[in-house]
C-alpha cells in the first residue's frame, strides 16, 4: 500500500525533475524512501533510537536523564505501540 505522502512526493519529483539538479532529485528519492519506512515505524522504536543515538551529548547530562525518565516512564507506556504516522497534535 502506498501512502499519500509517497504518491505526492513522487508526483512532485516527476513534475520538477527536468528543471532540477541530479543531486536534488537523488535527495528527494532518499526522502521518499525514508517516508515510506516511517509509515510502519512505531513510537517506541523511534524514541528508543532517539534516546540512544541522537540525545546523548546534545544536552546537559541532567537534562538527558530527565528526558530519558519522561520518555520511558510516561510516553512509551502510553504511546509505544502507536505508529508515528497515526499520531496527531
N, C-alpha and C. Protein backbone atom coordinates (compact mmCIF):
# COMPACT_ATOMS: atom_id res chain seq x y z
N UNK A 1 0.84 -1.18 0.00
CA UNK A 1 0.00 0.00 0.00
C UNK A 1 0.89 1.24 0.00
N UNK A 2 0.59 2.19 -0.85
CA UNK A 2 1.37 3.40 -0.98
C UNK A 2 0.72 4.52 -0.18
N UNK A 3 1.51 5.21 0.62
CA UNK A 3 0.95 6.29 1.42
C UNK A 3 0.70 7.53 0.56
N UNK A 4 -0.15 8.39 1.04
CA UNK A 4 -0.47 9.63 0.34
C UNK A 4 0.78 10.49 0.19
N UNK A 5 1.62 10.54 1.23
CA UNK A 5 2.85 11.34 1.17
C UNK A 5 3.78 10.83 0.08
N UNK A 6 3.86 9.52 -0.06
CA UNK A 6 4.73 8.95 -1.09
C UNK A 6 4.22 9.28 -2.48
N UNK A 7 2.93 9.14 -2.69
CA UNK A 7 2.34 9.45 -4.00
C UNK A 7 2.56 10.92 -4.34
N UNK A 8 2.32 11.82 -3.39
CA UNK A 8 2.51 13.25 -3.63
C UNK A 8 3.96 13.55 -3.95
N UNK A 9 4.89 12.97 -3.16
CA UNK A 9 6.32 13.23 -3.38
C UNK A 9 6.76 12.72 -4.75
N UNK A 10 6.27 11.57 -5.17
CA UNK A 10 6.63 11.05 -6.49
C UNK A 10 6.11 11.97 -7.59
N UNK A 11 4.88 12.41 -7.46
CA UNK A 11 4.32 13.32 -8.47
C UNK A 11 5.11 14.62 -8.52
N UNK A 12 5.44 15.15 -7.36
CA UNK A 12 6.18 16.40 -7.28
C UNK A 12 7.55 16.24 -7.92
N UNK A 13 8.24 15.14 -7.62
CA UNK A 13 9.57 14.90 -8.16
C UNK A 13 9.51 14.73 -9.68
N UNK A 14 8.54 13.99 -10.17
CA UNK A 14 8.42 13.75 -11.62
C UNK A 14 8.12 15.06 -12.35
N UNK A 15 7.26 15.88 -11.76
CA UNK A 15 6.89 17.14 -12.41
C UNK A 15 8.06 18.11 -12.49
N UNK A 16 8.94 18.10 -11.50
CA UNK A 16 10.03 19.07 -11.45
C UNK A 16 11.38 18.51 -11.93
N UNK A 17 11.45 17.21 -12.11
CA UNK A 17 12.74 16.57 -12.43
C UNK A 17 13.48 17.21 -13.60
N UNK A 18 12.84 17.59 -14.71
CA UNK A 18 13.61 18.18 -15.81
C UNK A 18 14.31 19.48 -15.44
N UNK A 19 13.79 20.21 -14.45
CA UNK A 19 14.36 21.51 -14.08
C UNK A 19 15.32 21.45 -12.90
N UNK A 20 15.46 20.31 -12.26
CA UNK A 20 16.24 20.22 -11.04
C UNK A 20 17.58 19.53 -11.27
N UNK A 21 18.50 19.83 -10.38
CA UNK A 21 19.81 19.19 -10.47
C UNK A 21 19.69 17.71 -10.09
N UNK A 22 20.63 16.92 -10.54
CA UNK A 22 20.62 15.49 -10.26
C UNK A 22 20.70 15.22 -8.76
N UNK A 23 21.52 15.98 -8.03
CA UNK A 23 21.67 15.75 -6.60
C UNK A 23 20.37 16.01 -5.85
N UNK A 24 19.61 17.03 -6.27
CA UNK A 24 18.34 17.29 -5.62
C UNK A 24 17.37 16.14 -5.86
N UNK A 25 17.34 15.64 -7.05
CA UNK A 25 16.44 14.52 -7.37
C UNK A 25 16.84 13.28 -6.57
N UNK A 26 18.14 13.04 -6.42
CA UNK A 26 18.60 11.90 -5.62
C UNK A 26 18.22 12.07 -4.16
N UNK A 27 18.36 13.27 -3.62
CA UNK A 27 17.97 13.54 -2.23
C UNK A 27 16.47 13.33 -2.04
N UNK A 28 15.70 13.78 -3.01
CA UNK A 28 14.26 13.60 -2.94
C UNK A 28 13.91 12.12 -2.96
N UNK A 29 14.60 11.35 -3.76
CA UNK A 29 14.35 9.90 -3.82
C UNK A 29 14.64 9.26 -2.47
N UNK A 30 15.74 9.68 -1.83
CA UNK A 30 16.05 9.13 -0.50
C UNK A 30 15.00 9.54 0.52
N UNK A 31 14.50 10.78 0.41
CA UNK A 31 13.45 11.24 1.31
C UNK A 31 12.19 10.40 1.15
N UNK A 32 11.82 10.11 -0.08
CA UNK A 32 10.64 9.28 -0.34
C UNK A 32 10.82 7.90 0.28
N UNK A 33 12.00 7.33 0.15
CA UNK A 33 12.27 6.02 0.75
C UNK A 33 12.15 6.08 2.27
N UNK A 34 12.67 7.15 2.87
CA UNK A 34 12.59 7.31 4.33
C UNK A 34 11.15 7.48 4.77
N UNK A 35 10.37 8.26 4.04
CA UNK A 35 8.95 8.44 4.38
C UNK A 35 8.19 7.13 4.29
N UNK A 36 8.50 6.33 3.31
CA UNK A 36 7.85 5.03 3.15
C UNK A 36 8.14 4.13 4.35
N UNK A 37 9.37 4.16 4.85
CA UNK A 37 9.71 3.35 6.02
C UNK A 37 9.03 3.87 7.27
N UNK A 38 8.82 5.18 7.36
CA UNK A 38 8.21 5.76 8.55
C UNK A 38 6.75 5.37 8.71
N UNK A 39 6.09 4.97 7.65
CA UNK A 39 4.69 4.61 7.77
C UNK A 39 4.49 3.41 8.67
N UNK A 40 5.51 2.58 8.83
CA UNK A 40 5.38 1.42 9.70
C UNK A 40 6.13 1.59 11.03
N UNK A 41 6.84 2.69 11.19
CA UNK A 41 7.64 2.91 12.39
C UNK A 41 6.74 3.22 13.59
N UNK A 42 7.00 2.54 14.67
CA UNK A 42 6.22 2.75 15.88
C UNK A 42 6.93 3.73 16.82
N UNK A 43 6.14 4.37 17.68
CA UNK A 43 6.64 5.38 18.61
C UNK A 43 7.81 4.84 19.44
N UNK A 44 7.64 3.64 19.98
CA UNK A 44 8.68 3.06 20.84
C UNK A 44 10.01 2.92 20.10
N UNK A 45 9.99 2.40 18.89
CA UNK A 45 11.23 2.20 18.12
C UNK A 45 11.89 3.54 17.82
N UNK A 46 11.08 4.54 17.46
CA UNK A 46 11.62 5.86 17.16
C UNK A 46 12.31 6.46 18.38
N UNK A 47 11.64 6.43 19.54
CA UNK A 47 12.22 7.06 20.72
C UNK A 47 13.34 6.23 21.34
N UNK A 48 13.30 4.92 21.20
CA UNK A 48 14.45 4.13 21.66
C UNK A 48 15.70 4.54 20.91
N UNK A 49 15.57 4.73 19.60
CA UNK A 49 16.73 5.16 18.80
C UNK A 49 17.13 6.59 19.15
N UNK A 50 16.15 7.47 19.32
CA UNK A 50 16.45 8.86 19.66
C UNK A 50 17.18 8.95 20.99
N UNK A 51 16.73 8.17 21.97
CA UNK A 51 17.36 8.20 23.30
C UNK A 51 18.79 7.67 23.29
N UNK A 52 19.08 6.70 22.44
CA UNK A 52 20.40 6.09 22.45
C UNK A 52 21.37 6.69 21.44
N UNK A 53 20.86 7.24 20.33
CA UNK A 53 21.74 7.72 19.26
C UNK A 53 21.82 9.25 19.22
N UNK A 54 20.69 9.91 19.25
CA UNK A 54 20.66 11.36 18.99
C UNK A 54 20.73 12.22 20.25
N UNK A 55 20.20 11.75 21.35
CA UNK A 55 20.16 12.57 22.57
C UNK A 55 21.50 12.70 23.28
N UNK A 56 22.25 11.61 23.48
CA UNK A 56 23.49 11.74 24.25
C UNK A 56 24.46 12.78 23.67
N UNK A 57 24.91 13.67 24.56
CA UNK A 57 25.86 14.69 24.14
C UNK A 57 25.23 15.94 23.57
N UNK A 58 23.92 15.92 23.31
CA UNK A 58 23.28 17.10 22.72
C UNK A 58 22.72 18.04 23.78
N UNK A 59 22.59 17.55 25.01
CA UNK A 59 22.10 18.36 26.13
C UNK A 59 22.92 18.02 27.36
N UNK A 60 22.74 18.79 28.42
CA UNK A 60 23.44 18.51 29.67
C UNK A 60 23.02 17.14 30.20
N UNK A 61 23.91 16.51 30.95
CA UNK A 61 23.65 15.15 31.45
C UNK A 61 22.38 15.08 32.29
N UNK A 62 22.15 16.08 33.14
CA UNK A 62 20.95 16.07 33.99
C UNK A 62 19.68 16.22 33.14
N UNK A 63 19.75 17.02 32.09
CA UNK A 63 18.62 17.18 31.17
C UNK A 63 18.37 15.87 30.44
N UNK A 64 19.43 15.23 30.00
CA UNK A 64 19.31 13.94 29.33
C UNK A 64 18.63 12.91 30.24
N UNK A 65 19.04 12.86 31.50
CA UNK A 65 18.43 11.94 32.46
C UNK A 65 16.93 12.20 32.60
N UNK A 66 16.56 13.48 32.66
CA UNK A 66 15.14 13.83 32.76
C UNK A 66 14.36 13.41 31.53
N UNK A 67 14.93 13.62 30.34
CA UNK A 67 14.27 13.20 29.10
C UNK A 67 14.08 11.70 29.06
N UNK A 68 15.13 10.98 29.42
CA UNK A 68 15.06 9.51 29.40
C UNK A 68 13.97 9.02 30.34
N UNK A 69 13.94 9.57 31.54
CA UNK A 69 12.91 9.17 32.52
C UNK A 69 11.51 9.48 32.00
N UNK A 70 11.31 10.66 31.46
CA UNK A 70 9.99 11.06 30.97
C UNK A 70 9.53 10.16 29.84
N UNK A 71 10.41 9.90 28.89
CA UNK A 71 10.04 9.07 27.75
C UNK A 71 9.75 7.65 28.20
N UNK A 72 10.62 7.06 29.00
CA UNK A 72 10.47 5.66 29.40
C UNK A 72 9.32 5.44 30.38
N UNK A 73 9.09 6.38 31.30
CA UNK A 73 8.05 6.19 32.32
C UNK A 73 6.66 6.63 31.88
N UNK A 74 6.57 7.61 30.98
CA UNK A 74 5.27 8.18 30.64
C UNK A 74 4.88 8.01 29.17
N UNK A 75 5.77 8.39 28.28
CA UNK A 75 5.41 8.39 26.86
C UNK A 75 5.36 7.00 26.24
N UNK A 76 6.39 6.19 26.47
CA UNK A 76 6.39 4.86 25.87
C UNK A 76 5.25 3.98 26.39
N UNK A 77 4.95 3.97 27.69
CA UNK A 77 3.80 3.16 28.12
C UNK A 77 2.47 3.62 27.50
N UNK A 78 2.33 4.91 27.27
CA UNK A 78 1.07 5.43 26.73
C UNK A 78 0.99 5.32 25.20
N UNK A 79 2.11 5.52 24.52
CA UNK A 79 2.09 5.64 23.06
C UNK A 79 2.97 4.63 22.33
N UNK A 80 3.67 3.77 23.05
CA UNK A 80 4.68 2.91 22.48
C UNK A 80 4.27 2.08 21.28
N UNK A 81 3.04 1.57 21.25
CA UNK A 81 2.60 0.70 20.16
C UNK A 81 2.03 1.46 18.96
N UNK A 82 1.80 2.74 19.12
CA UNK A 82 1.20 3.54 18.03
C UNK A 82 2.20 3.77 16.92
N UNK A 83 1.71 3.80 15.69
CA UNK A 83 2.55 4.15 14.56
C UNK A 83 2.72 5.67 14.55
N UNK A 84 3.92 6.13 14.21
CA UNK A 84 4.19 7.57 14.21
C UNK A 84 3.23 8.33 13.28
N UNK A 85 2.90 7.75 12.14
CA UNK A 85 2.04 8.45 11.20
C UNK A 85 0.62 8.59 11.70
N UNK A 86 0.24 7.83 12.73
CA UNK A 86 -1.12 7.92 13.29
C UNK A 86 -1.23 8.96 14.39
N UNK A 87 -0.10 9.48 14.87
CA UNK A 87 -0.13 10.47 15.95
C UNK A 87 -0.40 11.86 15.39
N UNK A 88 -1.23 12.60 16.12
CA UNK A 88 -1.52 13.98 15.75
C UNK A 88 -1.35 14.86 16.98
N UNK A 89 -1.31 16.14 16.76
CA UNK A 89 -1.14 17.07 17.87
C UNK A 89 -2.45 17.30 18.57
